[in-house]
Protein backbone atom coordinates (compact mmCIF):
# COMPACT_ATOMS: atom_id res chain seq x y z
CA MET A 1 11.79 -6.15 8.43
CA CYS A 2 9.01 -6.61 11.01
CA ARG A 3 9.99 -3.34 12.63
CA SER A 4 8.40 -1.66 9.63
CA ILE A 5 4.98 -3.02 10.59
CA LYS A 6 3.25 -0.04 12.17
CA THR A 7 0.72 -0.12 14.98
CA LEU A 8 -2.76 0.02 13.46
CA ARG A 9 -4.90 0.91 16.46
CA PRO A 10 -5.80 4.14 18.19
CA PRO A 11 -4.31 6.25 19.63
CA VAL A 12 -1.21 5.47 17.54
CA LEU A 13 -3.33 5.59 14.40
CA PRO A 14 -6.14 8.04 15.17
CA GLU A 15 -8.42 6.88 12.35
CA GLU A 16 -9.41 3.32 11.51
CA ALA A 17 -6.78 1.31 9.69
CA THR A 18 -7.46 0.95 6.00
CA GLU A 19 -7.64 -2.37 4.21
CA GLU A 20 -4.43 -1.37 2.41
CA GLU A 21 -2.60 -0.75 5.72
CA ILE A 22 -3.81 -4.07 7.13
CA ARG A 23 -2.72 -5.96 4.00
CA ALA A 24 0.69 -4.25 4.00
CA ALA A 25 1.26 -5.34 7.61
CA ALA A 26 0.15 -8.89 6.76
CA LEU A 27 2.51 -8.99 3.79
CA GLN A 28 5.44 -7.84 5.94
CA TYR A 29 4.64 -10.53 8.51
CA VAL A 30 4.41 -13.32 5.93
CA ARG A 31 7.65 -12.16 4.28
CA LYS A 32 9.45 -12.25 7.63
CA VAL A 33 8.10 -15.64 8.69
CA SER A 34 8.64 -17.30 5.30
CA GLY A 35 12.01 -15.72 4.64
CA PHE A 36 10.90 -14.75 1.12
CA ARG A 37 10.47 -11.20 -0.06
CA ALA A 38 8.81 -12.50 -3.22
CA PRO A 39 7.99 -16.21 -3.42
CA ALA A 40 8.81 -18.39 -6.41
CA ALA A 41 5.91 -19.24 -8.69
CA HIS A 42 5.43 -22.64 -7.06
CA ASN A 43 4.99 -20.97 -3.64
CA ARG A 44 2.88 -18.00 -4.77
CA GLU A 45 -0.53 -19.53 -3.99
CA VAL A 46 0.30 -20.58 -0.43
CA PHE A 47 2.09 -17.26 0.18
CA ASP A 48 -0.94 -15.27 -1.01
CA ARG A 49 -3.32 -17.40 1.08
CA ALA A 50 -1.17 -16.74 4.14
CA VAL A 51 -1.27 -12.98 3.51
CA ASP A 52 -5.07 -13.17 3.15
CA ALA A 53 -5.40 -15.15 6.40
CA VAL A 54 -3.14 -12.82 8.38
CA ALA A 55 -4.96 -9.76 6.99
CA ALA A 56 -8.32 -11.24 7.97
CA ALA A 57 -7.09 -12.09 11.47
CA THR A 58 -5.65 -8.58 11.82
CA ALA A 59 -8.93 -6.94 10.75
CA GLU A 60 -10.83 -9.14 13.22
CA LEU A 61 -8.41 -8.24 16.01
CA LEU A 62 -8.63 -4.51 15.33
CA ALA A 63 -12.44 -4.64 15.13
CA GLY A 64 -12.63 -6.36 18.50
CA LEU A 65 -10.14 -4.28 20.45
CA GLU A 66 -11.42 -1.92 23.10
CA VAL A 67 -8.87 0.79 23.70
CA ARG A 68 -9.43 2.45 27.06
CA GLY A 69 -9.00 6.16 27.21
CA ALA A 70 -9.25 6.57 23.44
CA SER A 71 -11.45 9.45 22.42
CA GLY A 72 -14.23 8.85 19.98
């Protein structure tokens, strides 16, 4: 499942990653780590918070990366 998480930085992705792409990667990560594709109702809140946290960390990482040799 995690193999479907694509690289979100240049030069693999020439443009900036969208919020949707970042959230999709975060969702895939949380699904893999938790072992749930879709959590039960009693786990939904913590699952969603984890996706939000991973998405925020991913956006912060991508914003701070300096990719040498990338044009632009």
